[in-house]
Amino acid sequence: MDENQIKALAKEVAKEAVKETFLTLGVDASKPMEVQADFHFLRDCRLGSEKLKSKIGLGIVGVLVTVTLVALWLGIKAAINT
């Protein structure tokens, strides 16, 4: 075998290995546009969940601050009335 044949064989073996790996992972590499759309969807889901987490965290902080201020206000009001 000459060098070009070895390179061609190595390239073919690598392509087959990648195809089998993707198939094992459940990805149909013969439809690259669908695979890209799937990964885009997954990225959108991840980014959306990150935004949701931050909004929920801000909401919890807002509720805690409000509860603290109300308790403080009621304590001051009770102290003034006694």
Protein backbone atom coordinates (compact mmCIF):
# COMPACT_ATOMS: atom_id res chain seq x y z
CA MET A 1 0.00 0.00 0.00
CA ASP A 2 1.28 3.43 -0.87
CA GLU A 3 0.80 6.55 1.26
CA ASN A 4 -2.30 7.79 -0.62
CA GLN A 5 -4.06 4.45 -0.19
CA ILE A 6 -3.23 4.45 3.53
CA LYS A 7 -4.62 8.00 3.90
CA ALA A 8 -7.80 7.07 2.00
CA LEU A 9 -8.27 3.96 4.14
CA ALA A 10 -7.66 5.92 7.36
CA LYS A 11 -10.17 8.57 6.25
CA GLU A 12 -12.80 5.92 5.48
CA VAL A 13 -12.23 4.16 8.80
CA ALA A 14 -12.50 7.45 10.68
CA LYS A 15 -15.76 8.34 8.90
CA GLU A 16 -17.23 4.95 9.77
CA ALA A 17 -16.15 5.25 13.40
CA VAL A 18 -17.73 8.69 13.72
CA LYS A 19 -20.96 7.44 12.08
CA GLU A 20 -21.17 4.51 14.49
CA THR A 21 -20.45 6.75 17.47
CA PHE A 22 -23.22 9.15 16.48
CA LEU A 23 -25.59 6.23 15.90
CA THR A 24 -24.77 4.87 19.35
CA LEU A 25 -25.67 8.29 20.77
CA GLY A 26 -28.94 8.29 18.82
CA VAL A 27 -27.91 10.91 16.27
CA ASP A 28 -28.64 10.30 12.60
CA ALA A 29 -25.59 11.89 10.95
CA SER A 30 -27.03 11.32 7.48
CA LYS A 31 -29.39 14.28 8.12
CA PRO A 32 -27.06 17.07 9.30
CA MET A 33 -29.70 19.83 9.12
CA GLU A 34 -31.97 17.89 11.49
CA VAL A 35 -29.07 17.28 13.85
CA GLN A 36 -28.26 20.99 13.83
CA ALA A 37 -31.90 21.84 14.51
CA ASP A 38 -31.95 19.38 17.43
CA PHE A 39 -28.82 20.91 18.95
CA HIS A 40 -30.25 24.41 18.42
CA PHE A 41 -33.43 23.35 20.23
CA LEU A 42 -31.40 21.90 23.10
CA ARG A 43 -29.39 25.13 23.37
CA ASP A 44 -32.60 27.19 23.44
CA CYS A 45 -33.96 24.95 26.22
CA ARG A 46 -30.76 25.35 28.23
CA LEU A 47 -30.69 29.12 27.83
CA GLY A 48 -34.39 29.35 28.69
CA SER A 49 -33.95 27.31 31.86
CA GLU A 50 -31.01 29.50 32.90
CA LYS A 51 -33.14 32.63 32.43
CA LEU A 52 -35.98 31.03 34.36
CA LYS A 53 -33.65 30.13 37.24
CA SER A 54 -32.39 33.70 37.50
CA LYS A 55 -35.93 35.12 37.41
CA ILE A 56 -37.10 32.70 40.10
CA GLY A 57 -34.08 33.63 42.22
CA LEU A 58 -34.84 37.34 41.82
CA GLY A 59 -38.48 36.67 42.72
CA ILE A 60 -37.49 34.86 45.91
CA VAL A 61 -35.15 37.69 46.89
CA GLY A 62 -37.93 40.20 46.19
CA VAL A 63 -40.37 38.28 48.39
CA LEU A 64 -37.81 38.03 51.22
CA VAL A 65 -37.07 41.76 51.05
CA THR A 66 -40.79 42.59 51.03
CA VAL A 67 -41.49 40.30 54.01
CA THR A 68 -38.58 41.84 55.92
CA LEU A 69 -39.77 45.38 55.22
CA VAL A 70 -43.35 44.54 56.22
CA ALA A 71 -42.15 42.92 59.46
CA LEU A 72 -39.98 45.95 60.18
CA TRP A 73 -42.86 48.31 59.45
CA LEU A 74 -45.25 46.35 61.67
CA GLY A 75 -42.65 46.26 64.46
CA ILE A 76 -42.13 50.02 64.26
CA LYS A 77 -45.88 50.62 64.12
CA ALA A 78 -46.44 48.38 67.18
CA ALA A 79 -43.63 50.15 69.09
CA ILE A 80 -45.17 53.56 68.36
CA ASN A 81 -48.68 52.48 69.45
CA THR A 82 -47.55 51.15 72.86
